[in-house]
Amino acid sequence: AKFYRKHEMNLLRIPVNGTWCRRLRTGGFKVFDIPRGIVTRVYNPETDKEVIKKQIDLFISVGHLEFAPALKCWSVDEGWYEEDFFEGLSGNGFIPNDAPKLTMDRYFTLIEPLLGKMILAEQPEPVPLLSYLEKFENLRWTIINETGDENVSKFLVFIEKMVSRCRELILKPGSEIYLVLAHGDFHQFNMIWTGSGLKLIDWDDTQKRSLLFDFYNFFFSQLYLKNASLDYPLEIKKGVHQLSSRIAINSPQLSENIIECAELYRVVYYIERIHSFLTSFGLDSQRIVRWVDAFLDFEANIKGR
């Protein structure tokens, strides 16, 4: 089989029967070899080798986690790596639309335990909140200058408002938040139920982020996907307390921080999420507009109570 690159004449050749290929938003392809149980990431030839090396190093570091695909082999110079292929029920199958009770049952039994493991997978890193926010503000003019999209200014206004909100929520000067290992795109479409456990795929945007980034991303993904049957303020409040209780067994300090700073972490999440779309995922105005609308709808819902 042959797969034409969208903007190039050279071909990605797939010589093995039982394979299929998917083009990635971030460039390159993923080739799924079902008989071998292997997924191969193929980078574009022009991709910087240092970028490839950093990603491979990252996947090696998370590959030891029981719910992440292990890296099998790789070549930085040739621009590819192979990882485990997970086969099972897509998260879209066990998180149905318009079934709020089932959604929350699946969240508490399958997803929340995995979130707890993610948070504790690496040593949490305390950072001064204002210093952490500065890196998002410093990129403001760079983003404006690099794109002519008129919607970008709207996104940046939203980020600025959220930064101001964070300053209002700071409990004391020099307040810290915790950064933990975050998947970066934590929602049901990146989950596979294998029968023996829940697995996460697509770790391309994994890095240290605020403590509740993946937690909030799961719930706001439901709003983004128009799964409007959940009582989000109530379920998020319950989720915060349940996750705090789970974390308390291993880290009482983190558990207390989750309760004390839940609102602050939500606002920081808004900033991080929009920033990730402006930098890591590539600019997609319509997609970002939907996310911002989901955030604004939630905030309006809270104020209305």
C-alpha atoms as a PDB file:
ATOM      1  CA  ALA A   1       0.000   0.000   0.000  1.00  0.00           C
ATOM      2  CA  LYS A   2       1.127   3.562  -0.623  1.00  0.00           C
ATOM      3  CA  PHE A   3       0.129   6.730   1.178  1.00  0.00           C
ATOM      4  CA  TYR A   4       0.692  10.061  -0.553  1.00  0.00           C
ATOM      5  CA  ARG A   5       1.952  12.862   1.652  1.00  0.00           C
ATOM      6  CA  LYS A   6      -0.429  15.795   1.539  1.00  0.00           C
ATOM      7  CA  HIS A   7       2.080  18.464   0.505  1.00  0.00           C
ATOM      8  CA  GLU A   8       4.904  16.370  -0.940  1.00  0.00           C
ATOM      9  CA  MET A   9       5.389  14.004  -3.862  1.00  0.00           C
ATOM     10  CA  ASN A  10       7.412  11.374  -1.984  1.00  0.00           C
ATOM     11  CA  LEU A  11       5.532   8.357  -0.658  1.00  0.00           C
ATOM     12  CA  LEU A  12       5.209   6.636   2.668  1.00  0.00           C
ATOM     13  CA  ARG A  13       5.448   2.958   1.715  1.00  0.00           C
ATOM     14  CA  ILE A  14       3.635   0.389   3.845  1.00  0.00           C
ATOM     15  CA  PRO A  15       4.924  -3.026   2.715  1.00  0.00           C
ATOM     16  CA  VAL A  16       3.169  -5.281   5.238  1.00  0.00           C
ATOM     17  CA  ASN A  17      -0.345  -6.674   4.902  1.00  0.00           C
ATOM     18  CA  GLY A  18      -2.676  -5.786   7.782  1.00  0.00           C
ATOM     19  CA  THR A  19      -1.416  -2.252   8.287  1.00  0.00           C
ATOM     20  CA  TRP A  20      -3.078   1.118   8.031  1.00  0.00           C
ATOM     21  CA  CYS A  21      -1.832   4.663   8.271  1.00  0.00           C
ATOM     22  CA  ARG A  22      -2.970   7.954   9.803  1.00  0.00           C
ATOM     23  CA  ARG A  23      -1.597  11.402   9.089  1.00  0.00           C
ATOM     24  CA  LEU A  24      -0.913  13.445  12.256  1.00  0.00           C
ATOM     25  CA  ARG A  25      -1.862  17.085  12.866  1.00  0.00           C
ATOM     26  CA  THR A  26       1.640  17.719  14.177  1.00  0.00           C
ATOM     27  CA  GLY A  27       3.285  16.294  11.053  1.00  0.00           C
ATOM     28  CA  GLY A  28       4.295  12.809   9.958  1.00  0.00           C
ATOM     29  CA  PHE A  29       2.318   9.588  10.216  1.00  0.00           C
ATOM     30  CA  LYS A  30       1.432   6.698  12.461  1.00  0.00           C
ATOM     31  CA  VAL A  31       1.468   3.246  10.885  1.00  0.00           C
ATOM     32  CA  PHE A  32      -0.559   0.560  12.677  1.00  0.00           C
ATOM     33  CA  ASP A  33       0.746  -2.985  12.162  1.00  0.00           C
ATOM     34  CA  ILE A  34      -2.104  -5.024  13.635  1.00  0.00           C
ATOM     35  CA  PRO A  35      -0.583  -8.550  13.246  1.00  0.00           C
ATOM     36  CA  ARG A  36       2.621  -7.514  15.060  1.00  0.00           C
ATOM     37  CA  GLY A  37       0.838  -5.359  17.660  1.00  0.00           C
ATOM     38  CA  ILE A  38       3.095  -2.418  16.846  1.00  0.00           C
ATOM     39  CA  VAL A  39       2.497   1.281  16.095  1.00  0.00           C
ATOM     40  CA  THR A  40       5.270   3.074  14.180  1.00  0.00           C
ATOM     41  CA  ARG A  41       5.582   6.858  14.322  1.00  0.00           C
ATOM     42  CA  VAL A  42       7.228   8.205  11.154  1.00  0.00           C
ATOM     43  CA  TYR A  43       8.423  11.820  11.307  1.00  0.00           C
ATOM     44  CA  ASN A  44       8.609  14.136   8.316  1.00  0.00           C
ATOM     45  CA  PRO A  45      12.132  14.142   6.799  1.00  0.00           C
ATOM     46  CA  GLU A  46      12.649  17.834   7.622  1.00  0.00           C
ATOM     47  CA  THR A  47      11.874  17.358  11.352  1.00  0.00           C
ATOM     48  CA  ASP A  48      14.702  18.568  13.594  1.00  0.00           C
ATOM     49  CA  LYS A  49      16.616  15.562  14.988  1.00  0.00           C
ATOM     50  CA  GLU A  50      16.778  17.205  18.417  1.00  0.00           C
ATOM     51  CA  VAL A  51      12.950  17.372  18.483  1.00  0.00           C
ATOM     52  CA  ILE A  52      12.769  13.663  17.613  1.00  0.00           C
ATOM     53  CA  LYS A  53      15.321  12.784  20.305  1.00  0.00           C
ATOM     54  CA  LYS A  54      13.404  14.747  22.958  1.00  0.00           C
ATOM     55  CA  GLN A  55      10.159  12.973  22.109  1.00  0.00           C
ATOM     56  CA  ILE A  56      11.781   9.543  22.131  1.00  0.00           C
ATOM     57  CA  ASP A  57      13.408  10.284  25.494  1.00  0.00           C
ATOM     58  CA  LEU A  58       9.988  11.335  26.805  1.00  0.00           C
ATOM     59  CA  PHE A  59       8.294   8.141  25.591  1.00  0.00           C
ATOM     60  CA  ILE A  60      11.048   6.041  27.131  1.00  0.00           C
ATOM     61  CA  SER A  61      10.461   7.799  30.458  1.00  0.00           C
ATOM     62  CA  VAL A  62       6.675   7.161  30.466  1.00  0.00           C
ATOM     63  CA  GLY A  63       6.896   3.703  28.876  1.00  0.00           C
ATOM     64  CA  HIS A  64       7.412   2.088  32.294  1.00  0.00           C
ATOM     65  CA  LEU A  65       3.917   3.160  33.367  1.00  0.00           C
ATOM     66  CA  GLU A  66       1.469   0.267  33.273  1.00  0.00           C
ATOM     67  CA  PHE A  67      -1.094   2.312  31.325  1.00  0.00           C
ATOM     68  CA  ALA A  68       1.298   3.750  28.685  1.00  0.00           C
ATOM     69  CA  PRO A  69       2.614   2.041  25.537  1.00  0.00           C
ATOM     70  CA  ALA A  70       6.188   0.819  25.901  1.00  0.00           C
ATOM     71  CA  LEU A  71       8.739   1.898  23.290  1.00  0.00           C
ATOM     72  CA  LYS A  72      10.140  -1.100  21.389  1.00  0.00           C
ATOM     73  CA  CYS A  73      12.843   0.349  19.147  1.00  0.00           C
ATOM     74  CA  TRP A  74      13.688   3.625  17.423  1.00  0.00           C
ATOM     75  CA  SER A  75      16.077   5.549  15.197  1.00  0.00           C
ATOM     76  CA  VAL A  76      16.607   9.278  15.706  1.00  0.00           C
ATOM     77  CA  ASP A  77      18.632   9.578  12.474  1.00  0.00           C
ATOM     78  CA  GLU A  78      15.967   7.837  10.369  1.00  0.00           C
ATOM     79  CA  GLY A  79      13.137   9.607  12.225  1.00  0.00           C
ATOM     80  CA  TRP A  80      10.912   6.813  13.570  1.00  0.00           C
ATOM     81  CA  TYR A  81      10.052   4.773  16.647  1.00  0.00           C
ATOM     82  CA  GLU A  82       7.906   1.722  17.416  1.00  0.00           C
ATOM     83  CA  GLU A  83       5.587   1.341  20.406  1.00  0.00           C
ATOM     84  CA  ASP A  84       2.956  -1.098  21.698  1.00  0.00           C
ATOM     85  CA  PHE A  85      -0.417  -1.245  19.964  1.00  0.00           C
ATOM     86  CA  PHE A  86      -3.355  -1.441  22.397  1.00  0.00           C
ATOM     87  CA  GLU A  87      -6.436  -3.291  21.224  1.00  0.00           C
ATOM     88  CA  GLY A  88      -9.770  -2.959  22.987  1.00  0.00           C
ATOM     89  CA  LEU A  89     -12.826  -0.766  23.464  1.00  0.00           C
ATOM     90  CA  SER A  90     -12.348   2.889  22.601  1.00  0.00           C
ATOM     91  CA  GLY A  91     -13.127   5.384  25.351  1.00  0.00           C
ATOM     92  CA  ASN A  92     -15.870   6.693  23.106  1.00  0.00           C
ATOM     93  CA  GLY A  93     -17.614   3.366  23.709  1.00  0.00           C
ATOM     94  CA  PHE A  94     -17.529   3.406  27.500  1.00  0.00           C
ATOM     95  CA  ILE A  95     -18.181   7.170  27.911  1.00  0.00           C
ATOM     96  CA  PRO A  96     -21.524   7.534  26.065  1.00  0.00           C
ATOM     97  CA  ASN A  97     -23.218  10.820  25.286  1.00  0.00           C
ATOM     98  CA  ASP A  98     -26.351  11.740  27.283  1.00  0.00           C
ATOM     99  CA  ALA A  99     -25.842   9.048  29.944  1.00  0.00           C
ATOM    100  CA  PRO A 100     -24.644  11.075  32.952  1.00  0.00           C
ATOM    101  CA  LYS A 101     -24.890   8.323  35.574  1.00  0.00           C
ATOM    102  CA  LEU A 102     -22.935   5.846  33.450  1.00  0.00           C
ATOM    103  CA  THR A 103     -20.369   8.518  32.549  1.00  0.00           C
ATOM    104  CA  MET A 104     -19.665   9.277  36.211  1.00  0.00           C
ATOM    105  CA  ASP A 105     -19.689   5.598  37.186  1.00  0.00           C
ATOM    106  CA  ARG A 106     -17.033   4.931  34.547  1.00  0.00           C
ATOM    107  CA  TYR A 107     -15.098   8.010  35.631  1.00  0.00           C
ATOM    108  CA  PHE A 108     -14.907   6.990  39.303  1.00  0.00           C
ATOM    109  CA  THR A 109     -14.245   3.281  38.659  1.00  0.00           C
ATOM    110  CA  LEU A 110     -11.855   3.452  35.672  1.00  0.00           C
ATOM    111  CA  ILE A 111     -10.554   6.957  35.049  1.00  0.00           C
ATOM    112  CA  GLU A 112     -10.025   8.494  38.481  1.00  0.00           C
ATOM    113  CA  PRO A 113      -7.689   5.683  39.677  1.00  0.00           C
ATOM    114  CA  LEU A 114      -5.560   6.252  36.571  1.00  0.00           C
ATOM    115  CA  LEU A 115      -5.501  10.011  37.250  1.00  0.00           C
ATOM    116  CA  GLY A 116      -4.227   9.335  40.756  1.00  0.00           C
ATOM    117  CA  LYS A 117      -1.398   7.197  39.360  1.00  0.00           C
ATOM    118  CA  MET A 118      -0.495   9.896  36.831  1.00  0.00           C
ATOM    119  CA  ILE A 119      -0.274  12.583  39.520  1.00  0.00           C
ATOM    120  CA  LEU A 120       2.032  10.443  41.655  1.00  0.00           C
ATOM    121  CA  ALA A 121       4.068   8.948  38.779  1.00  0.00           C
ATOM    122  CA  GLU A 122       6.854  11.510  39.260  1.00  0.00           C
ATOM    123  CA  GLN A 123       7.918  13.780  42.088  1.00  0.00           C
ATOM    124  CA  PRO A 124       5.528  16.783  42.144  1.00  0.00           C
ATOM    125  CA  GLU A 125       7.371  20.039  41.474  1.00  0.00           C
ATOM    126  CA  PRO A 126       6.400  23.146  43.489  1.00  0.00           C
ATOM    127  CA  VAL A 127       6.755  26.377  41.484  1.00  0.00           C
ATOM    128  CA  PRO A 128       5.863  30.011  42.251  1.00  0.00           C
ATOM    129  CA  LEU A 129       2.559  30.682  40.519  1.00  0.00           C
ATOM    130  CA  LEU A 130       3.498  34.118  39.172  1.00  0.00           C
ATOM    131  CA  SER A 131       6.747  32.796  37.678  1.00  0.00           C
ATOM    132  CA  TYR A 132       4.824  29.967  36.004  1.00  0.00           C
ATOM    133  CA  LEU A 133       2.309  32.402  34.516  1.00  0.00           C
ATOM    134  CA  GLU A 134       5.075  34.644  33.153  1.00  0.00           C
ATOM    135  CA  LYS A 135       6.067  32.090  30.523  1.00  0.00           C
ATOM    136  CA  PHE A 136       2.575  32.299  28.998  1.00  0.00           C
ATOM    137  CA  GLU A 137       2.605  36.108  29.036  1.00  0.00           C
ATOM    138  CA  ASN A 138       6.076  36.243  27.474  1.00  0.00           C
ATOM    139  CA  LEU A 139       4.864  34.330  24.415  1.00  0.00           C
ATOM    140  CA  ARG A 140       2.019  36.757  23.797  1.00  0.00           C
ATOM    141  CA  TRP A 141       3.756  39.035  21.301  1.00  0.00           C
ATOM    142  CA  THR A 142       5.539  36.139  19.620  1.00  0.00           C
ATOM    143  CA  ILE A 143       2.222  34.480  18.842  1.00  0.00           C
ATOM    144  CA  ILE A 144       0.674  37.745  17.590  1.00  0.00           C
ATOM    145  CA  ASN A 145       3.608  38.403  15.264  1.00  0.00           C
ATOM    146  CA  GLU A 146       3.741  34.857  13.856  1.00  0.00           C
ATOM    147  CA  THR A 147       0.117  34.602  12.727  1.00  0.00           C
ATOM    148  CA  GLY A 148      -2.286  36.814  10.877  1.00  0.00           C
ATOM    149  CA  ASP A 149      -5.371  35.069  12.299  1.00  0.00           C
ATOM    150  CA  GLU A 150      -7.672  37.750  13.699  1.00  0.00           C
ATOM    151  CA  ASN A 151      -9.107  35.307  16.264  1.00  0.00           C
ATOM    152  CA  VAL A 152      -5.745  34.994  18.017  1.00  0.00           C
ATOM    153  CA  SER A 153      -6.170  38.380  19.705  1.00  0.00           C
ATOM    154  CA  LYS A 154      -9.470  37.127  21.196  1.00  0.00           C
ATOM    155  CA  PHE A 155      -7.750  34.055  22.638  1.00  0.00           C
ATOM    156  CA  LEU A 156      -4.971  36.177  24.087  1.00  0.00           C
ATOM    157  CA  VAL A 157      -7.512  38.549  25.694  1.00  0.00           C
ATOM    158  CA  PHE A 158      -9.102  35.503  27.326  1.00  0.00           C
ATOM    159  CA  ILE A 159      -5.696  34.336  28.596  1.00  0.00           C
ATOM    160  CA  GLU A 160      -4.945  37.805  29.990  1.00  0.00           C
ATOM    161  CA  LYS A 161      -8.257  37.840  31.866  1.00  0.00           C
ATOM    162  CA  MET A 162      -7.495  34.429  33.333  1.00  0.00           C
ATOM    163  CA  VAL A 163      -4.008  35.537  34.396  1.00  0.00           C
ATOM    164  CA  SER A 164      -5.617  38.491  36.208  1.00  0.00           C
ATOM    165  CA  ARG A 165      -8.079  36.087  37.816  1.00  0.00           C
ATOM    166  CA  CYS A 166      -5.185  33.941  39.047  1.00  0.00           C
ATOM    167  CA  ARG A 167      -3.631  36.952  40.718  1.00  0.00           C
ATOM    168  CA  GLU A 168      -6.932  37.613  42.491  1.00  0.00           C
ATOM    169  CA  LEU A 169      -7.078  34.017  43.730  1.00  0.00           C
ATOM    170  CA  ILE A 170      -3.540  33.921  45.125  1.00  0.00           C
ATOM    171  CA  LEU A 171      -3.796  33.221  48.827  1.00  0.00           C
ATOM    172  CA  LYS A 172      -0.522  34.965  49.753  1.00  0.00           C
ATOM    173  CA  PRO A 173       2.532  36.532  48.055  1.00  0.00           C
ATOM    174  CA  GLY A 174       4.885  33.871  46.703  1.00  0.00           C
ATOM    175  CA  SER A 175       2.144  31.235  46.553  1.00  0.00           C
ATOM    176  CA  GLU A 176       3.163  28.000  44.870  1.00  0.00           C
ATOM    177  CA  ILE A 177       1.344  25.488  42.731  1.00  0.00           C
ATOM    178  CA  TYR A 178       2.426  21.943  41.957  1.00  0.00           C
ATOM    179  CA  LEU A 179       3.410  20.677  38.528  1.00  0.00           C
ATOM    180  CA  VAL A 180       2.983  16.957  37.842  1.00  0.00           C
ATOM    181  CA  LEU A 181       3.276  14.619  34.885  1.00  0.00           C
ATOM    182  CA  ALA A 182       0.301  15.358  32.615  1.00  0.00           C
ATOM    183  CA  HIS A 183      -0.797  13.448  29.530  1.00  0.00           C
ATOM    184  CA  GLY A 184      -1.758  16.751  27.906  1.00  0.00           C
ATOM    185  CA  ASP A 185      -4.760  15.487  25.907  1.00  0.00           C
ATOM    186  CA  PHE A 186      -6.593  13.468  28.541  1.00  0.00           C
ATOM    187  CA  HIS A 187     -10.043  12.514  27.208  1.00  0.00           C
ATOM    188  CA  GLN A 188     -11.923   9.372  26.253  1.00  0.00           C
ATOM    189  CA  PHE A 189     -10.738   9.276  22.633  1.00  0.00           C
ATOM    190  CA  ASN A 190      -7.219   8.669  23.956  1.00  0.00           C
ATOM    191  CA  MET A 191      -8.330   5.838  26.256  1.00  0.00           C
ATOM    192  CA  ILE A 192      -8.532   2.124  25.442  1.00  0.00           C
ATOM    193  CA  TRP A 193     -10.199  -0.433  27.699  1.00  0.00           C
ATOM    194  CA  THR A 194      -8.291  -3.687  27.072  1.00  0.00           C
ATOM    195  CA  GLY A 195     -10.272  -5.872  29.472  1.00  0.00           C
ATOM    196  CA  SER A 196      -7.386  -5.980  31.929  1.00  0.00           C
ATOM    197  CA  GLY A 197      -7.110  -2.238  32.477  1.00  0.00           C
ATOM    198  CA  LEU A 198      -7.421   1.241  31.027  1.00  0.00           C
ATOM    199  CA  LYS A 199      -4.606   2.366  28.720  1.00  0.00           C
ATOM    200  CA  LEU A 200      -3.704   5.841  27.457  1.00  0.00           C
ATOM    201  CA  ILE A 201      -2.499   6.519  23.922  1.00  0.00           C
ATOM    202  CA  ASP A 202      -1.173   9.599  22.067  1.00  0.00           C
ATOM    203  CA  TRP A 203       1.351  10.955  24.570  1.00  0.00           C
ATOM    204  CA  ASP A 204       2.778  13.503  22.118  1.00  0.00           C
ATOM    205  CA  ASP A 205       2.015  16.548  24.297  1.00  0.00           C
ATOM    206  CA  THR A 206       3.079  15.048  27.624  1.00  0.00           C
ATOM    207  CA  GLN A 207       4.962  17.328  30.005  1.00  0.00           C
ATOM    208  CA  LYS A 208       4.843  18.750  33.526  1.00  0.00           C
ATOM    209  CA  ARG A 209       1.676  20.819  33.979  1.00  0.00           C
ATOM    210  CA  SER A 210      -0.479  22.072  36.823  1.00  0.00           C
ATOM    211  CA  LEU A 211      -1.707  19.462  39.283  1.00  0.00           C
ATOM    212  CA  LEU A 212      -5.304  19.195  38.029  1.00  0.00           C
ATOM    213  CA  PHE A 213      -4.692  19.723  34.294  1.00  0.00           C
ATOM    214  CA  ASP A 214      -5.701  16.206  33.191  1.00  0.00           C
ATOM    215  CA  PHE A 215      -8.593  16.140  35.676  1.00  0.00           C
ATOM    216  CA  TYR A 216     -10.135  19.316  34.290  1.00  0.00           C
ATOM    217  CA  ASN A 217      -9.370  18.335  30.718  1.00  0.00           C
ATOM    218  CA  PHE A 218     -11.503  15.213  31.034  1.00  0.00           C
ATOM    219  CA  PHE A 219     -14.551  17.153  32.221  1.00  0.00           C
ATOM    220  CA  PHE A 220     -14.163  20.078  29.836  1.00  0.00           C
ATOM    221  CA  SER A 221     -13.744  17.632  26.961  1.00  0.00           C
ATOM    222  CA  GLN A 222     -17.316  16.548  27.696  1.00  0.00           C
ATOM    223  CA  LEU A 223     -18.468  20.158  27.340  1.00  0.00           C
ATOM    224  CA  TYR A 224     -16.410  20.539  24.159  1.00  0.00           C
ATOM    225  CA  LEU A 225     -18.034  17.372  22.760  1.00  0.00           C
ATOM    226  CA  LYS A 226     -21.501  18.722  23.662  1.00  0.00           C
ATOM    227  CA  ASN A 227     -22.138  16.031  26.267  1.00  0.00           C
ATOM    228  CA  ALA A 228     -24.421  18.502  28.024  1.00  0.00           C
ATOM    229  CA  SER A 229     -26.316  16.103  30.263  1.00  0.00           C
ATOM    230  CA  LEU A 230     -23.854  16.274  33.177  1.00  0.00           C
ATOM    231  CA  ASP A 231     -24.261  18.735  36.038  1.00  0.00           C
ATOM    232  CA  TYR A 232     -20.669  19.909  35.595  1.00  0.00           C
ATOM    233  CA  PRO A 233     -20.252  22.169  38.649  1.00  0.00           C
ATOM    234  CA  LEU A 234     -21.621  19.433  40.920  1.00  0.00           C
ATOM    235  CA  GLU A 235     -19.689  16.561  39.315  1.00  0.00           C
ATOM    236  CA  ILE A 236     -16.416  18.500  39.224  1.00  0.00           C
ATOM    237  CA  LYS A 237     -16.829  19.402  42.900  1.00  0.00           C
ATOM    238  CA  LYS A 238     -17.422  15.737  43.750  1.00  0.00           C
ATOM    239  CA  GLY A 239     -14.494  14.731  41.557  1.00  0.00           C
ATOM    240  CA  VAL A 240     -12.123  17.167  43.280  1.00  0.00           C
ATOM    241  CA  HIS A 241     -12.975  15.782  46.743  1.00  0.00           C
ATOM    242  CA  GLN A 242     -12.787  12.162  45.598  1.00  0.00           C
ATOM    243  CA  LEU A 243      -9.405  12.680  43.901  1.00  0.00           C
ATOM    244  CA  SER A 244      -8.117  14.513  46.970  1.00  0.00           C
ATOM    245  CA  SER A 245      -9.125  11.540  49.142  1.00  0.00           C
ATOM    246  CA  ARG A 246      -7.334   9.124  46.827  1.00  0.00           C
ATOM    247  CA  ILE A 247      -4.135  11.211  46.801  1.00  0.00           C
ATOM    248  CA  ALA A 248      -4.218  11.623  50.617  1.00  0.00           C
ATOM    249  CA  ILE A 249      -3.072   8.032  51.118  1.00  0.00           C
ATOM    250  CA  ASN A 250       0.321   8.760  49.530  1.00  0.00           C
ATOM    251  CA  SER A 251       0.595  12.546  49.756  1.00  0.00           C
ATOM    252  CA  PRO A 252      -1.439  14.427  52.385  1.00  0.00           C
ATOM    253  CA  GLN A 253       0.189  17.705  51.315  1.00  0.00           C
ATOM    254  CA  LEU A 254      -0.970  17.345  47.706  1.00  0.00           C
ATOM    255  CA  SER A 255      -4.402  16.280  48.917  1.00  0.00           C
ATOM    256  CA  GLU A 256      -4.825  19.473  50.942  1.00  0.00           C
ATOM    257  CA  ASN A 257      -3.509  21.557  48.056  1.00  0.00           C
ATOM    258  CA  ILE A 258      -6.130  20.099  45.707  1.00  0.00           C
ATOM    259  CA  ILE A 259      -8.973  21.206  47.995  1.00  0.00           C
ATOM    260  CA  GLU A 260      -7.520  24.617  48.835  1.00  0.00           C
ATOM    261  CA  CYS A 261      -6.577  25.567  45.272  1.00  0.00           C
ATOM    262  CA  ALA A 262      -9.153  23.759  43.115  1.00  0.00           C
ATOM    263  CA  GLU A 263     -10.532  27.001  41.638  1.00  0.00           C
ATOM    264  CA  LEU A 264      -7.055  28.380  41.048  1.00  0.00           C
ATOM    265  CA  TYR A 265      -5.998  25.187  39.257  1.00  0.00           C
ATOM    266  CA  ARG A 266      -9.096  25.418  37.064  1.00  0.00           C
ATOM    267  CA  VAL A 267      -8.175  28.917  35.894  1.00  0.00           C
ATOM    268  CA  VAL A 268      -4.535  27.914  35.359  1.00  0.00           C
ATOM    269  CA  TYR A 269      -5.829  24.965  33.307  1.00  0.00           C
ATOM    270  CA  TYR A 270      -7.723  27.359  31.012  1.00  0.00           C
ATOM    271  CA  ILE A 271      -4.483  29.227  30.308  1.00  0.00           C
ATOM    272  CA  GLU A 272      -2.429  26.079  29.772  1.00  0.00           C
ATOM    273  CA  ARG A 273      -5.026  24.502  27.500  1.00  0.00           C
ATOM    274  CA  ILE A 274      -5.393  27.484  25.148  1.00  0.00           C
ATOM    275  CA  HIS A 275      -1.630  27.914  25.137  1.00  0.00           C
ATOM    276  CA  SER A 276      -1.188  24.263  24.086  1.00  0.00           C
ATOM    277  CA  PHE A 277      -3.408  24.813  21.051  1.00  0.00           C
ATOM    278  CA  LEU A 278      -1.535  27.970  20.073  1.00  0.00           C
ATOM    279  CA  THR A 279       1.859  26.229  20.280  1.00  0.00           C
ATOM    280  CA  SER A 280       1.848  22.412  20.311  1.00  0.00           C
ATOM    281  CA  PHE A 281      -1.236  21.400  18.310  1.00  0.00           C
ATOM    282  CA  GLY A 282      -1.135  24.036  15.605  1.00  0.00           C
ATOM    283  CA  LEU A 283      -3.526  26.935  15.276  1.00  0.00           C
ATOM    284  CA  ASP A 284      -7.107  25.857  14.602  1.00  0.00           C
ATOM    285  CA  SER A 285      -9.312  28.876  15.281  1.00  0.00           C
ATOM    286  CA  GLN A 286     -12.651  27.099  15.225  1.00  0.00           C
ATOM    287  CA  ARG A 287     -11.448  24.416  17.586  1.00  0.00           C
ATOM    288  CA  ILE A 288     -10.043  26.942  20.066  1.00  0.00           C
ATOM    289  CA  VAL A 289     -13.242  29.006  19.890  1.00  0.00           C
ATOM    290  CA  ARG A 290     -15.212  25.912  20.969  1.00  0.00           C
ATOM    291  CA  TRP A 291     -12.888  25.359  23.932  1.00  0.00           C
ATOM    292  CA  VAL A 292     -13.099  28.995  25.031  1.00  0.00           C
ATOM    293  CA  ASP A 293     -16.889  28.855  24.722  1.00  0.00           C
ATOM    294  CA  ALA A 294     -16.924  25.731  26.921  1.00  0.00           C
ATOM    295  CA  PHE A 295     -14.855  27.535  29.573  1.00  0.00           C
ATOM    296  CA  LEU A 296     -17.052  30.643  29.467  1.00  0.00           C
ATOM    297  CA  ASP A 297     -20.267  28.581  29.648  1.00  0.00           C
ATOM    298  CA  PHE A 298     -18.972  26.791  32.730  1.00  0.00           C
ATOM    299  CA  GLU A 299     -17.970  30.025  34.470  1.00  0.00           C
ATOM    300  CA  ALA A 300     -21.376  31.560  33.686  1.00  0.00           C
ATOM    301  CA  ASN A 301     -23.063  28.438  35.063  1.00  0.00           C
ATOM    302  CA  ILE A 302     -21.154  28.746  38.353  1.00  0.00           C
ATOM    303  CA  LYS A 303     -21.976  32.438  38.728  1.00  0.00           C
ATOM    304  CA  GLY A 304     -25.636  31.691  38.095  1.00  0.00           C
ATOM    305  CA  ARG A 305     -25.827  29.408  41.125  1.00  0.00           C
END
